[in-house]
Every structure is written in C-alpha cells, then in structure tokens.
C-alpha atoms as a PDB file:
ATOM      1  CA  MET A   1      -9.356  13.268  41.398  1.00  0.00           C
ATOM      2  CA  TYR A   2      -7.163  10.571  39.050  1.00  0.00           C
ATOM      3  CA  THR A   3      -8.813   7.329  38.896  1.00  0.00           C
ATOM      4  CA  SER A   4      -6.433   4.464  37.912  1.00  0.00           C
ATOM      5  CA  PRO A   5      -7.311   2.627  34.518  1.00  0.00           C
ATOM      6  CA  SER A   6      -7.612  -0.880  36.534  1.00  0.00           C
ATOM      7  CA  SER A   7     -10.727   0.681  38.469  1.00  0.00           C
ATOM      8  CA  GLN A   8     -12.683   1.965  35.151  1.00  0.00           C
ATOM      9  CA  ILE A   9     -15.277  -0.080  33.546  1.00  0.00           C
ATOM     10  CA  LEU A  10     -13.669  -1.726  30.497  1.00  0.00           C
ATOM     11  CA  CYS A  11     -15.838  -1.837  27.271  1.00  0.00           C
ATOM     12  CA  TYR A  12     -15.467  -4.505  24.356  1.00  0.00           C
ATOM     13  CA  SER A  13     -13.046  -3.623  21.518  1.00  0.00           C
ATOM     14  CA  PRO A  14     -12.668  -5.454  18.299  1.00  0.00           C
ATOM     15  CA  ARG A  15      -9.391  -6.834  17.491  1.00  0.00           C
ATOM     16  CA  VAL A  16      -7.768  -7.376  14.129  1.00  0.00           C
ATOM     17  CA  THR A  17      -4.635  -8.957  13.186  1.00  0.00           C
ATOM     18  CA  ILE A  18      -2.265  -8.231  10.313  1.00  0.00           C
ATOM     19  CA  ILE A  19       0.121 -10.947   9.303  1.00  0.00           C
ATOM     20  CA  GLY A  20       3.019  -8.932   7.486  1.00  0.00           C
ATOM     21  CA  ALA A  21       4.590  -5.467   8.690  1.00  0.00           C
ATOM     22  CA  GLY A  22       5.491  -4.395   5.158  1.00  0.00           C
ATOM     23  CA  ARG A  23       4.189  -1.542   3.514  1.00  0.00           C
ATOM     24  CA  VAL A  24       0.680  -2.790   2.953  1.00  0.00           C
ATOM     25  CA  GLY A  25       0.346  -4.204   6.365  1.00  0.00           C
ATOM     26  CA  SER A  26       1.777  -1.312   8.191  1.00  0.00           C
ATOM     27  CA  THR A  27      -0.142   1.329   6.091  1.00  0.00           C
ATOM     28  CA  LEU A  28      -3.440  -0.912   6.760  1.00  0.00           C
ATOM     29  CA  ALA A  29      -2.723  -0.725  10.564  1.00  0.00           C
ATOM     30  CA  GLN A  30      -2.723   3.030  10.281  1.00  0.00           C
ATOM     31  CA  ARG A  31      -6.025   3.127   8.164  1.00  0.00           C
ATOM     32  CA  ILE A  32      -7.788   1.077  10.914  1.00  0.00           C
ATOM     33  CA  ALA A  33      -6.490   2.681  13.933  1.00  0.00           C
ATOM     34  CA  GLU A  34      -7.023   6.280  12.490  1.00  0.00           C
ATOM     35  CA  LYS A  35     -10.614   5.341  11.458  1.00  0.00           C
ATOM     36  CA  ASN A  36     -11.204   3.936  14.959  1.00  0.00           C
ATOM     37  CA  LEU A  37     -12.276   0.831  13.533  1.00  0.00           C
ATOM     38  CA  ALA A  38     -10.407  -1.839  15.889  1.00  0.00           C
ATOM     39  CA  ASP A  39      -7.417  -2.678  18.055  1.00  0.00           C
ATOM     40  CA  VAL A  40      -4.533  -3.792  16.084  1.00  0.00           C
ATOM     41  CA  VAL A  41      -1.949  -6.741  16.188  1.00  0.00           C
ATOM     42  CA  LEU A  42       0.808  -6.070  13.790  1.00  0.00           C
ATOM     43  CA  LEU A  43       2.658  -9.631  13.152  1.00  0.00           C
ATOM     44  CA  ASP A  44       5.839 -10.470  11.608  1.00  0.00           C
ATOM     45  CA  ILE A  45       8.812 -12.658  11.560  1.00  0.00           C
ATOM     46  CA  VAL A  46      11.439  -9.997  11.716  1.00  0.00           C
ATOM     47  CA  PRO A  47      12.503  -9.426  15.221  1.00  0.00           C
ATOM     48  CA  GLY A  48      11.657  -5.666  16.252  1.00  0.00           C
ATOM     49  CA  MET A  49      10.181  -4.565  13.136  1.00  0.00           C
ATOM     50  CA  PRO A  50       6.572  -4.845  13.856  1.00  0.00           C
ATOM     51  CA  GLN A  51       7.198  -3.661  17.593  1.00  0.00           C
ATOM     52  CA  GLY A  52       8.829  -0.636  16.310  1.00  0.00           C
ATOM     53  CA  LEU A  53       6.030   0.309  13.828  1.00  0.00           C
ATOM     54  CA  ALA A  54       3.421  -0.223  16.502  1.00  0.00           C
ATOM     55  CA  LEU A  55       5.330   2.100  18.956  1.00  0.00           C
ATOM     56  CA  ASP A  56       5.406   4.692  16.141  1.00  0.00           C
ATOM     57  CA  LEU A  57       1.690   4.423  15.319  1.00  0.00           C
ATOM     58  CA  MET A  58       0.848   4.439  19.038  1.00  0.00           C
ATOM     59  CA  GLU A  59       2.923   7.911  19.417  1.00  0.00           C
ATOM     60  CA  ALA A  60       0.697   9.195  16.827  1.00  0.00           C
ATOM     61  CA  ARG A  61      -2.538   8.600  18.728  1.00  0.00           C
ATOM     62  CA  GLY A  62      -2.726  11.951  20.212  1.00  0.00           C
ATOM     63  CA  ILE A  63      -2.109  13.662  17.161  1.00  0.00           C
ATOM     64  CA  GLU A  64      -4.497  11.792  15.187  1.00  0.00           C
ATOM     65  CA  MET A  65      -6.938  11.598  18.085  1.00  0.00           C
ATOM     66  CA  HIS A  66      -7.866   8.140  18.508  1.00  0.00           C
ATOM     67  CA  ASN A  67      -7.245   5.612  21.169  1.00  0.00           C
ATOM     68  CA  ARG A  68      -6.657   2.282  19.616  1.00  0.00           C
ATOM     69  CA  GLN A  69      -4.320   0.019  20.856  1.00  0.00           C
ATOM     70  CA  ILE A  70      -1.592  -1.223  18.238  1.00  0.00           C
ATOM     71  CA  ILE A  71       0.885  -3.852  19.254  1.00  0.00           C
ATOM     72  CA  GLY A  72       3.801  -5.345  17.369  1.00  0.00           C
ATOM     73  CA  THR A  73       4.652  -8.931  17.767  1.00  0.00           C
ATOM     74  CA  ASN A  74       6.573 -11.959  16.163  1.00  0.00           C
ATOM     75  CA  ASP A  75       4.300 -14.521  18.416  1.00  0.00           C
ATOM     76  CA  TYR A  76       0.943 -15.795  16.916  1.00  0.00           C
ATOM     77  CA  ALA A  77      -0.153 -16.247  20.687  1.00  0.00           C
ATOM     78  CA  ASP A  78      -0.556 -12.571  20.910  1.00  0.00           C
ATOM     79  CA  THR A  79      -3.254 -12.674  17.993  1.00  0.00           C
ATOM     80  CA  THR A  80      -5.410 -14.536  20.272  1.00  0.00           C
ATOM     81  CA  GLY A  81      -9.169 -13.797  19.770  1.00  0.00           C
ATOM     82  CA  SER A  82      -9.054 -11.840  16.509  1.00  0.00           C
ATOM     83  CA  GLU A  83     -12.252 -10.991  14.707  1.00  0.00           C
ATOM     84  CA  ILE A  84     -10.381 -10.495  11.321  1.00  0.00           C
ATOM     85  CA  VAL A  85      -7.049 -11.652  10.162  1.00  0.00           C
ATOM     86  CA  VAL A  86      -5.502 -10.213   7.089  1.00  0.00           C
ATOM     87  CA  ILE A  87      -2.725 -11.927   5.369  1.00  0.00           C
ATOM     88  CA  THR A  88      -0.317  -9.702   3.681  1.00  0.00           C
ATOM     89  CA  ALA A  89       2.940 -11.555   4.200  1.00  0.00           C
ATOM     90  CA  GLY A  90       4.950 -12.802   1.368  1.00  0.00           C
ATOM     91  CA  PHE A  91       7.480 -11.291  -1.201  1.00  0.00           C
ATOM     92  CA  PRO A  92       6.591  -8.295  -3.240  1.00  0.00           C
ATOM     93  CA  ARG A  93       6.692  -8.131  -7.059  1.00  0.00           C
ATOM     94  CA  LYS A  94       9.838  -6.898  -8.783  1.00  0.00           C
ATOM     95  CA  PRO A  95       9.918  -5.218 -12.284  1.00  0.00           C
ATOM     96  CA  GLY A  96       9.252  -7.771 -14.923  1.00  0.00           C
ATOM     97  CA  MET A  97       7.621 -10.104 -12.263  1.00  0.00           C
ATOM     98  CA  SER A  98       4.174 -11.201 -12.958  1.00  0.00           C
ATOM     99  CA  ARG A  99       1.961 -12.167  -9.900  1.00  0.00           C
ATOM    100  CA  ASP A 100       2.118 -15.664 -10.883  1.00  0.00           C
ATOM    101  CA  ASP A 101       5.840 -15.579 -10.501  1.00  0.00           C
ATOM    102  CA  LEU A 102       5.294 -15.218  -6.770  1.00  0.00           C
ATOM    103  CA  LEU A 103       3.655 -18.251  -6.423  1.00  0.00           C
ATOM    104  CA  ARG A 104       6.238 -20.688  -5.583  1.00  0.00           C
ATOM    105  CA  THR A 105       7.641 -18.571  -2.557  1.00  0.00           C
ATOM    106  CA  ASN A 106       4.039 -17.193  -1.270  1.00  0.00           C
ATOM    107  CA  ALA A 107       2.279 -20.406  -1.328  1.00  0.00           C
ATOM    108  CA  LYS A 108       4.062 -21.875   1.462  1.00  0.00           C
ATOM    109  CA  ILE A 109       4.126 -18.689   3.636  1.00  0.00           C
ATOM    110  CA  VAL A 110       0.154 -18.075   3.055  1.00  0.00           C
ATOM    111  CA  VAL A 111      -0.521 -21.527   4.159  1.00  0.00           C
ATOM    112  CA  GLU A 112       1.543 -21.675   7.148  1.00  0.00           C
ATOM    113  CA  ALA A 113       0.354 -18.248   8.162  1.00  0.00           C
ATOM    114  CA  ALA A 114      -3.399 -19.195   7.875  1.00  0.00           C
ATOM    115  CA  LYS A 115      -2.972 -22.398  10.047  1.00  0.00           C
ATOM    116  CA  GLN A 116      -1.155 -20.534  12.612  1.00  0.00           C
ATOM    117  CA  ALA A 117      -3.782 -17.707  12.609  1.00  0.00           C
ATOM    118  CA  ILE A 118      -6.650 -20.076  12.878  1.00  0.00           C
ATOM    119  CA  ALA A 119      -5.408 -22.285  15.556  1.00  0.00           C
ATOM    120  CA  HIS A 120      -5.394 -18.857  17.830  1.00  0.00           C
ATOM    121  CA  SER A 121      -8.519 -17.246  16.379  1.00  0.00           C
ATOM    122  CA  PRO A 122     -11.119 -19.882  15.126  1.00  0.00           C
ATOM    123  CA  ASP A 123     -13.713 -17.546  14.932  1.00  0.00           C
ATOM    124  CA  ALA A 124     -11.942 -15.126  12.896  1.00  0.00           C
ATOM    125  CA  ILE A 125     -12.668 -13.844   9.264  1.00  0.00           C
ATOM    126  CA  PHE A 126      -9.754 -14.087   6.862  1.00  0.00           C
ATOM    127  CA  ILE A 127      -8.747 -11.516   4.297  1.00  0.00           C
ATOM    128  CA  VAL A 128      -6.268 -12.433   2.011  1.00  0.00           C
ATOM    129  CA  VAL A 129      -3.986  -9.851   0.166  1.00  0.00           C
ATOM    130  CA  THR A 130      -0.751 -11.648  -0.648  1.00  0.00           C
ATOM    131  CA  ASN A 131      -0.082 -12.218  -4.335  1.00  0.00           C
ATOM    132  CA  PRO A 132      -1.122 -14.035  -6.606  1.00  0.00           C
ATOM    133  CA  LEU A 133      -4.151 -13.271  -4.807  1.00  0.00           C
ATOM    134  CA  ASP A 134      -6.976 -15.545  -6.192  1.00  0.00           C
ATOM    135  CA  VAL A 135      -4.372 -18.735  -5.865  1.00  0.00           C
ATOM    136  CA  MET A 136      -3.514 -17.325  -2.089  1.00  0.00           C
ATOM    137  CA  THR A 137      -7.118 -17.146  -1.117  1.00  0.00           C
ATOM    138  CA  TYR A 138      -7.952 -20.616  -2.240  1.00  0.00           C
ATOM    139  CA  LEU A 139      -5.065 -22.277  -0.539  1.00  0.00           C
ATOM    140  CA  ALA A 140      -5.765 -20.417   2.893  1.00  0.00           C
ATOM    141  CA  TRP A 141      -9.394 -21.570   2.505  1.00  0.00           C
ATOM    142  CA  GLN A 142      -8.283 -25.020   2.129  1.00  0.00           C
ATOM    143  CA  ALA A 143      -5.578 -24.771   4.984  1.00  0.00           C
ATOM    144  CA  THR A 144      -8.108 -23.218   7.517  1.00  0.00           C
ATOM    145  CA  GLY A 145     -11.036 -25.495   6.558  1.00  0.00           C
ATOM    146  CA  LEU A 146     -13.278 -22.532   7.014  1.00  0.00           C
ATOM    147  CA  PRO A 147     -16.739 -21.942   5.374  1.00  0.00           C
ATOM    148  CA  ARG A 148     -16.234 -19.796   2.221  1.00  0.00           C
ATOM    149  CA  ASP A 149     -18.141 -17.020   3.727  1.00  0.00           C
ATOM    150  CA  ARG A 150     -15.427 -16.480   6.210  1.00  0.00           C
ATOM    151  CA  ILE A 151     -12.589 -16.475   3.842  1.00  0.00           C
ATOM    152  CA  MET A 152     -11.937 -13.737   0.998  1.00  0.00           C
ATOM    153  CA  GLY A 153      -9.530 -12.131  -0.939  1.00  0.00           C
ATOM    154  CA  MET A 154      -8.750  -8.223  -1.718  1.00  0.00           C
ATOM    155  CA  ALA A 155      -8.777  -7.781  -5.444  1.00  0.00           C
ATOM    156  CA  GLY A 156     -11.801  -6.671  -6.987  1.00  0.00           C
ATOM    157  CA  VAL A 157     -12.071  -3.448  -4.772  1.00  0.00           C
ATOM    158  CA  LEU A 158      -8.714  -2.379  -5.838  1.00  0.00           C
ATOM    159  CA  ASP A 159      -9.069  -3.021  -9.467  1.00  0.00           C
ATOM    160  CA  SER A 160     -12.353  -1.386  -9.467  1.00  0.00           C
ATOM    161  CA  ALA A 161     -10.819   1.691  -7.729  1.00  0.00           C
ATOM    162  CA  ARG A 162      -8.081   1.892 -10.519  1.00  0.00           C
ATOM    163  CA  PHE A 163     -10.943   1.785 -13.119  1.00  0.00           C
ATOM    164  CA  GLU A 164     -12.566   4.433 -11.480  1.00  0.00           C
ATOM    165  CA  THR A 165      -9.477   6.662 -11.029  1.00  0.00           C
ATOM    166  CA  PHE A 166      -8.610   6.119 -14.739  1.00  0.00           C
ATOM    167  CA  ILE A 167     -11.881   6.991 -15.741  1.00  0.00           C
ATOM    168  CA  ALA A 168     -12.100   9.915 -13.475  1.00  0.00           C
ATOM    169  CA  MET A 169      -8.518  11.228 -14.908  1.00  0.00           C
ATOM    170  CA  GLU A 170      -9.956  10.810 -18.413  1.00  0.00           C
ATOM    171  CA  LEU A 171     -13.125  12.701 -17.839  1.00  0.00           C
ATOM    172  CA  GLY A 172     -11.914  15.371 -15.245  1.00  0.00           C
ATOM    173  CA  VAL A 173     -14.370  14.454 -12.725  1.00  0.00           C
ATOM    174  CA  LEU A 174     -14.034  13.355  -8.954  1.00  0.00           C
ATOM    175  CA  PRO A 175     -13.418   9.738  -8.681  1.00  0.00           C
ATOM    176  CA  ARG A 176     -15.975   9.303  -6.118  1.00  0.00           C
ATOM    177  CA  ASP A 177     -18.643  10.054  -8.668  1.00  0.00           C
ATOM    178  CA  VAL A 178     -17.347   7.074 -10.594  1.00  0.00           C
ATOM    179  CA  LYS A 179     -18.644   3.547 -10.037  1.00  0.00           C
ATOM    180  CA  THR A 180     -17.289   0.367 -11.579  1.00  0.00           C
ATOM    181  CA  MET A 181     -17.408  -3.163 -11.251  1.00  0.00           C
ATOM    182  CA  VAL A 182     -14.282  -5.566 -12.103  1.00  0.00           C
ATOM    183  CA  LEU A 183     -14.591  -9.127 -11.732  1.00  0.00           C
ATOM    184  CA  GLY A 184     -12.317 -12.286 -12.405  1.00  0.00           C
ATOM    185  CA  SER A 185      -8.792 -12.729 -11.356  1.00  0.00           C
ATOM    186  CA  HIS A 186      -6.480 -10.210  -9.841  1.00  0.00           C
ATOM    187  CA  GLY A 187      -4.121  -9.770 -12.956  1.00  0.00           C
ATOM    188  CA  ASP A 188      -3.679  -9.407 -16.775  1.00  0.00           C
ATOM    189  CA  LEU A 189      -7.086 -11.669 -17.055  1.00  0.00           C
ATOM    190  CA  MET A 190      -9.401  -9.538 -14.936  1.00  0.00           C
ATOM    191  CA  VAL A 191     -12.877  -8.583 -16.337  1.00  0.00           C
ATOM    192  CA  PRO A 192     -13.671  -4.998 -15.952  1.00  0.00           C
ATOM    193  CA  LEU A 193     -17.488  -4.488 -16.963  1.00  0.00           C
ATOM    194  CA  PRO A 194     -17.739  -0.942 -18.762  1.00  0.00           C
ATOM    195  CA  ARG A 195     -21.394  -1.444 -19.300  1.00  0.00           C
ATOM    196  CA  PHE A 196     -21.840  -1.283 -15.527  1.00  0.00           C
ATOM    197  CA  ALA A 197     -19.725   1.605 -15.230  1.00  0.00           C
ATOM    198  CA  THR A 198     -21.518   5.092 -14.285  1.00  0.00           C
ATOM    199  CA  VAL A 199     -20.403   8.572 -13.587  1.00  0.00           C
ATOM    200  CA  ASN A 200     -22.896  10.240 -11.106  1.00  0.00           C
ATOM    201  CA  GLY A 201     -25.576   7.679 -12.785  1.00  0.00           C
ATOM    202  CA  ILE A 202     -24.642   8.362 -16.459  1.00  0.00           C
ATOM    203  CA  PRO A 203     -23.569   5.125 -18.291  1.00  0.00           C
ATOM    204  CA  LEU A 204     -19.964   5.457 -19.071  1.00  0.00           C
ATOM    205  CA  THR A 205     -20.788   4.403 -22.703  1.00  0.00           C
ATOM    206  CA  GLU A 206     -22.723   7.729 -23.027  1.00  0.00           C
ATOM    207  CA  LEU A 207     -19.678   9.548 -22.060  1.00  0.00           C
ATOM    208  CA  LEU A 208     -16.601   7.955 -23.726  1.00  0.00           C
ATOM    209  CA  ASP A 209     -16.091   6.188 -27.220  1.00  0.00           C
ATOM    210  CA  GLN A 210     -15.227   2.660 -27.389  1.00  0.00           C
ATOM    211  CA  ALA A 211     -11.571   2.983 -28.227  1.00  0.00           C
ATOM    212  CA  THR A 212     -11.196   5.214 -25.247  1.00  0.00           C
ATOM    213  CA  ILE A 213     -12.915   2.598 -22.870  1.00  0.00           C
ATOM    214  CA  GLU A 214     -10.812  -0.048 -24.193  1.00  0.00           C
ATOM    215  CA  ARG A 215      -7.732   1.859 -23.594  1.00  0.00           C
ATOM    216  CA  LEU A 216      -8.738   2.567 -19.925  1.00  0.00           C
ATOM    217  CA  VAL A 217      -9.621  -1.027 -19.415  1.00  0.00           C
ATOM    218  CA  GLU A 218      -6.002  -2.493 -20.488  1.00  0.00           C
ATOM    219  CA  ARG A 219      -4.591   0.107 -18.111  1.00  0.00           C
ATOM    220  CA  THR A 220      -6.616  -1.397 -15.255  1.00  0.00           C
ATOM    221  CA  ARG A 221      -5.762  -4.811 -16.082  1.00  0.00           C
ATOM    222  CA  HIS A 222      -2.131  -3.681 -15.819  1.00  0.00           C
ATOM    223  CA  GLY A 223      -2.528  -1.155 -12.950  1.00  0.00           C
ATOM    224  CA  GLY A 224      -0.359  -2.859 -10.424  1.00  0.00           C
ATOM    225  CA  ALA A 225       2.413  -3.527 -13.214  1.00  0.00           C
ATOM    226  CA  GLU A 226       2.415   0.286 -14.079  1.00  0.00           C
ATOM    227  CA  ILE A 227       3.270   1.092 -10.419  1.00  0.00           C
ATOM    228  CA  VAL A 228       5.944  -1.684 -10.022  1.00  0.00           C
ATOM    229  CA  GLU A 229       7.578  -0.400 -13.183  1.00  0.00           C
ATOM    230  CA  LEU A 230       7.452   3.246 -12.013  1.00  0.00           C
ATOM    231  CA  MET A 231       8.769   2.542  -8.488  1.00  0.00           C
ATOM    232  CA  GLN A 232      11.294  -0.138  -9.459  1.00  0.00           C
ATOM    233  CA  THR A 233      11.836  -1.158  -5.669  1.00  0.00           C
ATOM    234  CA  GLY A 234       8.501  -2.290  -4.630  1.00  0.00           C
ATOM    235  CA  GLY A 235       4.499  -2.120  -5.539  1.00  0.00           C
ATOM    236  CA  ALA A 236       1.565  -0.478  -4.673  1.00  0.00           C
ATOM    237  CA  PHE A 237       0.491  -0.251  -1.030  1.00  0.00           C
ATOM    238  CA  PHE A 238      -1.501   2.823  -0.446  1.00  0.00           C
ATOM    239  CA  ALA A 239      -4.773   1.772  -2.584  1.00  0.00           C
ATOM    240  CA  PRO A 240      -4.201  -1.923  -1.534  1.00  0.00           C
ATOM    241  CA  ALA A 241      -4.333  -0.742   2.105  1.00  0.00           C
ATOM    242  CA  SER A 242      -7.131   1.220   1.508  1.00  0.00           C
ATOM    243  CA  ALA A 243      -9.120  -1.337  -0.219  1.00  0.00           C
ATOM    244  CA  THR A 244      -8.637  -3.943   2.545  1.00  0.00           C
ATOM    245  CA  CYS A 245      -9.754  -1.282   5.087  1.00  0.00           C
ATOM    246  CA  MET A 246     -13.027  -0.683   3.130  1.00  0.00           C
ATOM    247  CA  MET A 247     -13.750  -4.506   3.082  1.00  0.00           C
ATOM    248  CA  MET A 248     -12.923  -4.633   6.973  1.00  0.00           C
ATOM    249  CA  GLU A 249     -15.095  -1.418   7.681  1.00  0.00           C
ATOM    250  CA  SER A 250     -18.110  -3.253   6.024  1.00  0.00           C
ATOM    251  CA  ILE A 251     -17.483  -6.573   8.096  1.00  0.00           C
ATOM    252  CA  LEU A 252     -16.775  -4.790  11.651  1.00  0.00           C
ATOM    253  CA  LEU A 253     -19.654  -2.086  11.046  1.00  0.00           C
ATOM    254  CA  ASN A 254     -22.088  -4.760   9.641  1.00  0.00           C
ATOM    255  CA  GLN A 255     -22.488  -2.259   6.333  1.00  0.00           C
ATOM    256  CA  SER A 256     -23.736  -4.754   4.101  1.00  0.00           C
ATOM    257  CA  ARG A 257     -21.949  -3.117   1.305  1.00  0.00           C
ATOM    258  CA  LEU A 258     -22.070  -4.964  -2.263  1.00  0.00           C
ATOM    259  CA  LEU A 259     -18.315  -5.005  -3.080  1.00  0.00           C
ATOM    260  CA  PRO A 260     -16.443  -7.226  -5.556  1.00  0.00           C
ATOM    261  CA  VAL A 261     -14.237  -9.689  -3.811  1.00  0.00           C
ATOM    262  CA  THR A 262     -12.208 -12.993  -4.247  1.00  0.00           C
ATOM    263  CA  VAL A 263     -14.402 -16.032  -3.084  1.00  0.00           C
ATOM    264  CA  ALA A 264     -14.360 -19.714  -3.723  1.00  0.00           C
ATOM    265  CA  LEU A 265     -17.188 -20.373  -5.991  1.00  0.00           C
ATOM    266  CA  MET A 266     -19.789 -23.217  -5.727  1.00  0.00           C
ATOM    267  CA  GLY A 267     -21.604 -23.223  -9.160  1.00  0.00           C
ATOM    268  CA  GLU A 268     -22.313 -19.494  -9.276  1.00  0.00           C
ATOM    269  CA  TYR A 269     -21.694 -18.199 -12.865  1.00  0.00           C
ATOM    270  CA  GLY A 270     -21.269 -21.779 -13.616  1.00  0.00           C
ATOM    271  CA  LEU A 271     -17.732 -22.291 -11.982  1.00  0.00           C
ATOM    272  CA  GLU A 272     -16.682 -24.357  -8.943  1.00  0.00           C
ATOM    273  CA  ASP A 273     -13.416 -25.512  -7.412  1.00  0.00           C
ATOM    274  CA  VAL A 274     -11.806 -22.029  -8.012  1.00  0.00           C
ATOM    275  CA  ALA A 275     -11.563 -18.702  -6.297  1.00  0.00           C
ATOM    276  CA  ILE A 276     -12.027 -15.438  -8.281  1.00  0.00           C
ATOM    277  CA  GLY A 277     -13.804 -12.029  -7.704  1.00  0.00           C
ATOM    278  CA  VAL A 278     -17.176 -11.624  -7.806  1.00  0.00           C
ATOM    279  CA  PRO A 279     -19.631  -9.116  -6.309  1.00  0.00           C
ATOM    280  CA  CYS A 280     -20.474 -10.203  -2.591  1.00  0.00           C
ATOM    281  CA  ARG A 281     -22.458  -8.665   0.211  1.00  0.00           C
ATOM    282  CA  LEU A 282     -20.194  -8.187   3.139  1.00  0.00           C
ATOM    283  CA  GLY A 283     -21.749  -8.026   6.737  1.00  0.00           C
ATOM    284  CA  CYS A 284     -20.479  -8.880  10.239  1.00  0.00           C
ATOM    285  CA  GLY A 285     -20.658 -12.659   9.483  1.00  0.00           C
ATOM    286  CA  GLY A 286     -18.142 -12.324   6.333  1.00  0.00           C
ATOM    287  CA  ILE A 287     -19.666 -13.024   2.763  1.00  0.00           C
ATOM    288  CA  ALA A 288     -23.466 -12.783   3.334  1.00  0.00           C
ATOM    289  CA  ASN A 289     -24.087 -13.844  -0.231  1.00  0.00           C
ATOM    290  CA  VAL A 290     -22.815 -13.925  -3.813  1.00  0.00           C
ATOM    291  CA  LEU A 291     -24.473 -11.840  -6.442  1.00  0.00           C
ATOM    292  CA  GLU A 292     -24.806 -13.537  -9.901  1.00  0.00           C
ATOM    293  CA  LEU A 293     -24.938 -10.784 -12.574  1.00  0.00           C
ATOM    294  CA  GLU A 294     -26.625 -11.235 -15.992  1.00  0.00           C
ATOM    295  CA  LEU A 295     -23.255 -11.255 -18.152  1.00  0.00           C
ATOM    296  CA  SER A 296     -23.410 -11.070 -21.992  1.00  0.00           C
ATOM    297  CA  ASP A 297     -21.705 -14.018 -23.863  1.00  0.00           C
ATOM    298  CA  GLU A 298     -18.347 -12.218 -24.148  1.00  0.00           C
ATOM    299  CA  GLU A 299     -18.164 -11.206 -20.531  1.00  0.00           C
ATOM    300  CA  MET A 300     -18.893 -14.655 -19.479  1.00  0.00           C
ATOM    301  CA  ALA A 301     -16.461 -16.150 -21.763  1.00  0.00           C
ATOM    302  CA  ALA A 302     -13.688 -13.748 -20.401  1.00  0.00           C
ATOM    303  CA  LEU A 303     -14.812 -14.802 -16.768  1.00  0.00           C
ATOM    304  CA  ARG A 304     -14.216 -18.430 -17.827  1.00  0.00           C
ATOM    305  CA  VAL A 305     -10.769 -17.721 -19.229  1.00  0.00           C
ATOM    306  CA  SER A 306      -9.879 -15.886 -15.979  1.00  0.00           C
ATOM    307  CA  ALA A 307     -11.235 -18.628 -13.902  1.00  0.00           C
ATOM    308  CA  GLU A 308      -9.349 -21.348 -15.638  1.00  0.00           C
ATOM    309  CA  SER A 309      -5.985 -19.459 -15.322  1.00  0.00           C
ATOM    310  CA  VAL A 310      -6.525 -19.283 -11.729  1.00  0.00           C
ATOM    311  CA  ARG A 311      -7.640 -23.155 -11.564  1.00  0.00           C
ATOM    312  CA  GLN A 312      -4.269 -24.335 -13.215  1.00  0.00           C
ATOM    313  CA  ASN A 313      -2.168 -22.024 -10.685  1.00  0.00           C
ATOM    314  CA  ILE A 314      -4.106 -23.414  -7.924  1.00  0.00           C
ATOM    315  CA  ALA A 315      -3.147 -27.299  -9.420  1.00  0.00           C
ATOM    316  CA  TRP A 316       0.406 -25.901  -9.731  1.00  0.00           C
ATOM    317  CA  ALA A 317       0.554 -24.608  -6.305  1.00  0.00           C
ATOM    318  CA  GLN A 318      -1.047 -27.596  -4.630  1.00  0.00           C
ATOM    319  CA  GLU A 319       1.871 -29.723  -6.401  1.00  0.00           C
ATOM    320  CA  ILE A 320       4.611 -27.430  -5.046  1.00  0.00           C
ATOM    321  CA  LEU A 321       3.015 -27.864  -1.442  1.00  0.00           C
ATOM    322  CA  MET A 322       3.089 -31.708  -1.767  1.00  0.00           C
ATOM    323  CA  VAL A 323       6.606 -31.825  -2.849  1.00  0.00           C
ATOM    324  CA  SER A 324       7.500 -29.281   0.003  1.00  0.00           C
ATOM    325  CA  ASN A 325       5.743 -31.411   2.585  1.00  0.00           C
ATOM    326  CA  ALA A 326       7.113 -34.728   1.199  1.00  0.00           C
ATOM    327  CA  THR A 327      10.727 -33.369   1.514  1.00  0.00           C
ATOM    328  CA  SER A 328      10.404 -31.399   4.826  1.00  0.00           C
END
C-alpha cells in the first residue's frame, strides 16, 4: 500500500548553497548531487536561469540514481540554514584579462553576496571561488565577520591538480599516482613546490630533470590562462567545480583531509593580514588547523612575494569599495 511522503519519517539532510549559477556553479551542483553529499540551493540574479538548471538536474536524478533535492532561486531567503555557502558569482575571465583585472567588478558582487548569505545562514562555512580568489576570500572574511576557520578560498586544490596533471602527462602515468603541493596566490605568482611532489612515493626530482620540472611549474602558473586562451569565450569550470567539491566533501563528511586552501593568515609563515593558499586540515568545523611547512629560503621568498601582491590588491579593493559606498 502506498504511503504518502507526509506520513513518512523525515531524516536530516545537509544543505549547501551555491551563489552563481554559471558554468562553475551549475557543474558544482551536479557534482554535489551525484556524489549524494547534500541538497543544493542554486542562486543567481538572472530570473528563471537557476530554476531551469535545477529542474534539469532534478530530471536526471532517476538516471543518476540519487535522491538529492536541487532548487533554483533568485531569493536569498531560500538559502536559509545552509551548512556550506559557495560563492562563484562574478564576471569570468576573458582572453588577455588577468585575474586582477576582475577585481574592480567582482569585489562588490562578492561582498554583497557574502553579507546576504551570512544573514540567512549565520552558522555556515563559506568557500570562495570568484576571482581574483585570494582577494575575494579576504573581502568575504571581512564582510561576514566570521572566524577564519569558517571561510576559505578554493585555489591550491585546483592548482595542485593542474600540476599533477602536467606531471602525469609528461611521465605517462595516472594522475592519481601523482601528489603535489602548490602554495601562494591563485595566479602567476603561485608557488608550486617540486620537492614535495611525488609519483607513488618516488620524488619528482628522481624522475624528471630540473629544466623539465621548471617548464611544468610555469605551465601550472598559467594553467587557467591557457584554458581561457583556448576557449576564447570563457574559462575553466570542470576542474574548479571538482576541486571545490573535494573541499566540501572533506567538510561534510569530516574527512580531515590535508588540502591547500586560501585562508587569512595570522602569523603563520611570518605573514598576517593577507589571505593566500597554504596546507590546511579540513573537517566538519571548516579549517581545523593550518600546517606550517619547513620551506627553503627560496620558497619562503617566493611565498612572501606572492603574499605582498595579494596584500596590495586587497588594499586597492578596499579603496574601490569605500569609494563605491560613499557615492551610492
């Protein structure tokens, strides 16, 4: 005999909100649902777009064999009670445009999104994906007033995955056998660490010569720009969505994974008042702790250069926001 849903016992299901229903946001929604991690709220300012994407994803549930709820909305009230909020909203990169070129337009978008989201989900953990990512993470941290363990940026996971891919392609091995660590800003001044890279436990330096390693490091630094130049009409979205999903999985399932993510530093690596990528352990409360690696003088110098560039852009973004607020 059929039993109506209203008479069944309802179990708790985690909810995540994705702000921005573009390629990264919609792909991330698909990843989360098909991994059966959480129910998804997909929010965008374009009327009808998130609703249509959500319906499309819902119609695939029977085929993909999951039962997650996906709703699309233009109203922040529908995001209430989210465990995780992901901010992907903002303008994408175009050919010839650096991530920093996006700062002027995306700063206001991210700050407004963060404020509205925290008002409806005060206990949420935030993950920022919008570029320039390090600056946007810092601005969102300020806008929400959250402790730093509950707000982070997706950068190092993606950059490390790109480094791993290029190494695997060079050696003709599976990417899953390659492990790397990339620190610093999400841009041309990122700091890949070849001496921490291994292939099934074998140091990369035992497998490739220095010139080849440097070539792969440079390709990693420009990995996003390479895709933008090839596509001409947009940037990467499959790998960024996968990287964000990995971080969310570690948080929602309390996996305690050690991953490179962007976080506001408070003296670690001799740096403060800046947000850059460093290895962190992610669990159910967000960032459980920041790991300080023993870096060489050269690596530390590169990290400081990367941090100083981000710090300058943070100051510029804050000026832009102050002027915007004064004239609005």
